[in-house]
Protein backbone atom coordinates (compact mmCIF):
# COMPACT_ATOMS: atom_id res chain seq x y z
CA MET A 1 8.71 -3.35 7.74
CA GLN A 2 7.89 -6.76 6.55
CA PHE A 3 7.00 -6.82 3.12
CA GLN A 4 4.48 -9.66 1.72
CA PHE A 5 3.82 -10.48 -1.77
CA ASN A 6 0.80 -12.50 -2.88
CA SER A 7 0.05 -13.52 -6.85
CA ASP A 8 -2.08 -15.58 -8.89
CA SER A 9 -0.29 -17.98 -12.01
CA SER A 10 -1.16 -15.53 -14.58
CA VAL A 11 0.61 -12.63 -13.28
CA MET A 12 3.91 -14.52 -12.57
CA GLY A 13 4.42 -14.81 -16.04
CA THR A 14 6.89 -11.68 -16.36
CA GLU A 15 10.39 -11.86 -14.86
CA ASN A 16 10.89 -10.12 -11.56
CA VAL A 17 7.59 -8.82 -11.07
CA ALA A 18 7.54 -9.20 -7.85
CA GLU A 19 11.26 -8.06 -7.02
CA ARG A 20 9.52 -4.54 -9.48
CA ILE A 21 6.67 -4.39 -7.38
CA GLU A 22 8.31 -4.34 -4.20
CA THR A 23 10.30 -1.48 -5.09
CA ALA A 24 8.20 0.84 -6.19
CA VAL A 25 5.64 0.13 -3.48
CA ARG A 26 8.56 0.40 -1.11
CA GLU A 27 10.14 3.53 -2.67
CA LYS A 28 6.29 4.64 -2.76
CA LEU A 29 5.50 4.31 1.04
CA SER A 30 8.81 5.14 1.99
CA ARG A 31 8.37 7.93 4.65
CA PHE A 32 5.65 5.85 6.48
CA GLU A 33 8.13 3.13 7.00
CA ASP A 34 8.89 3.04 10.85
CA ARG A 35 4.77 3.68 11.45
CA LEU A 36 3.77 0.96 9.11
CA THR A 37 4.40 -3.15 10.74
CA ARG A 38 3.90 -4.63 7.16
CA LEU A 39 2.28 -4.33 3.61
CA GLU A 40 0.41 -6.77 1.65
CA VAL A 41 0.48 -6.91 -1.98
CA HIS A 42 -1.82 -8.75 -3.85
CA VAL A 43 -1.81 -8.83 -7.77
CA SER A 44 -4.26 -10.54 -9.83
CA ASP A 45 -5.62 -10.93 -13.24
CA GLU A 46 -9.42 -10.48 -13.19
CA ASN A 47 -10.77 -12.13 -16.26
CA GLY A 48 -7.00 -14.65 -16.91
CA ALA A 49 -6.31 -15.41 -20.63
CA LYS A 50 -9.36 -13.57 -22.16
CA GLY A 51 -7.26 -10.30 -22.03
CA GLY A 52 -8.80 -7.10 -21.93
CA GLY A 53 -8.62 -3.51 -20.72
CA ASN A 54 -7.66 -3.10 -16.93
CA ASP A 55 -7.74 -6.40 -16.25
CA LYS A 56 -5.13 -6.55 -13.84
CA SER A 57 -5.35 -5.40 -10.07
CA CYS A 58 -3.59 -5.06 -7.04
CA THR A 59 -4.65 -4.52 -3.54
CA ILE A 60 -2.13 -3.26 -0.97
CA GLU A 61 -2.66 -3.60 2.84
CA ALA A 62 -0.78 -1.37 5.44
CA ARG A 63 -0.76 -2.07 9.10
CA PRO A 64 0.11 0.53 10.48
CA ALA A 65 1.42 0.20 14.11
CA GLY A 66 -1.08 -0.18 17.03
CA GLY A 67 -3.74 0.64 14.53
CA LYS A 68 -6.53 -1.09 11.85
CA PRO A 69 -5.06 -2.42 8.52
CA LEU A 70 -6.09 0.20 5.52
CA GLY A 71 -6.61 -1.32 2.11
CA VAL A 72 -6.63 -0.33 -1.42
CA THR A 73 -7.58 -1.86 -4.82
CA GLU A 74 -6.25 -0.53 -8.49
CA HIS A 75 -6.87 -1.46 -11.93
CA ALA A 76 -4.77 -1.23 -14.86
CA ALA A 77 -4.01 -2.78 -18.34
CA LYS A 78 -0.57 -3.82 -16.62
CA VAL A 79 0.17 -5.52 -13.34
CA ASP A 80 2.98 -2.80 -12.42
CA ASP A 81 0.88 0.21 -12.97
CA ALA A 82 -2.09 -1.03 -11.18
CA ALA A 83 0.75 -1.46 -8.44
CA ARG A 84 1.89 2.15 -8.36
CA ARG A 85 -1.75 3.74 -8.70
CA ALA A 86 -2.50 1.17 -5.66
CA ALA A 87 0.59 2.71 -4.04
CA GLY A 88 -0.46 6.30 -4.59
CA THR A 89 -3.85 5.92 -3.24
CA LEU A 90 -2.33 4.28 -0.13
CA ALA A 91 0.21 7.05 0.34
CA GLN A 92 -2.52 9.57 0.27
CA ARG A 93 -4.62 7.21 2.80
CA LEU A 94 -1.89 7.17 5.39
CA GLU A 95 -0.89 10.61 4.73
CA ARG A 96 -4.22 11.14 6.06
CA HIS A 97 -4.92 8.71 8.73
CA PHE A 98 -1.04 9.72 10.22
CA GLY A 99 -2.59 13.47 9.90
CA LYS A 100 -4.78 13.09 12.13
CA SER A 101 -3.22 11.06 14.88
CA ASP A 102 -0.48 13.70 14.90
CA LYS A 103 -3.14 16.53 15.20
CA HIS A 104 -5.00 14.88 17.79
CA LYS A 105 -1.63 14.57 19.69
CA HIS A 106 -1.63 17.46 22.92
CA ASP A 107 1.69 19.17 24.42
CA ALA A 108 1.52 18.54 28.31
CA ARG A 109 -0.74 21.17 29.99
CA PRO A 110 1.34 23.35 32.04
CA ASP A 111 0.64 23.57 35.40
CA LYS A 112 -1.32 26.56 36.56
CA VAL A 113 0.50 29.20 38.43
CA LEU A 114 -1.46 30.69 41.14
């Protein structure tokens, strides 16, 4: 599974932010790793230097193999918290997504015996 991290310049001021977020997101979504081709994480500070509560956002887009992308966005006061929330929300959506697809798979119909 490929992992792509994107951020604006105001978020990259903290040390190892990309590594911390990648580790947290991969850990939370590890059970889906064989079913996903790529994860894209976008973090930003929505109001820059002004400050304020819940102004950090994290958007995660997951690309299931052979399916349409799923995305979530979460906000928090810290970028790490926003990433953890987004990963949790995405895990729930992926669980529903893959649960539905697994539910609709059927065993082969046995041959009728006359």
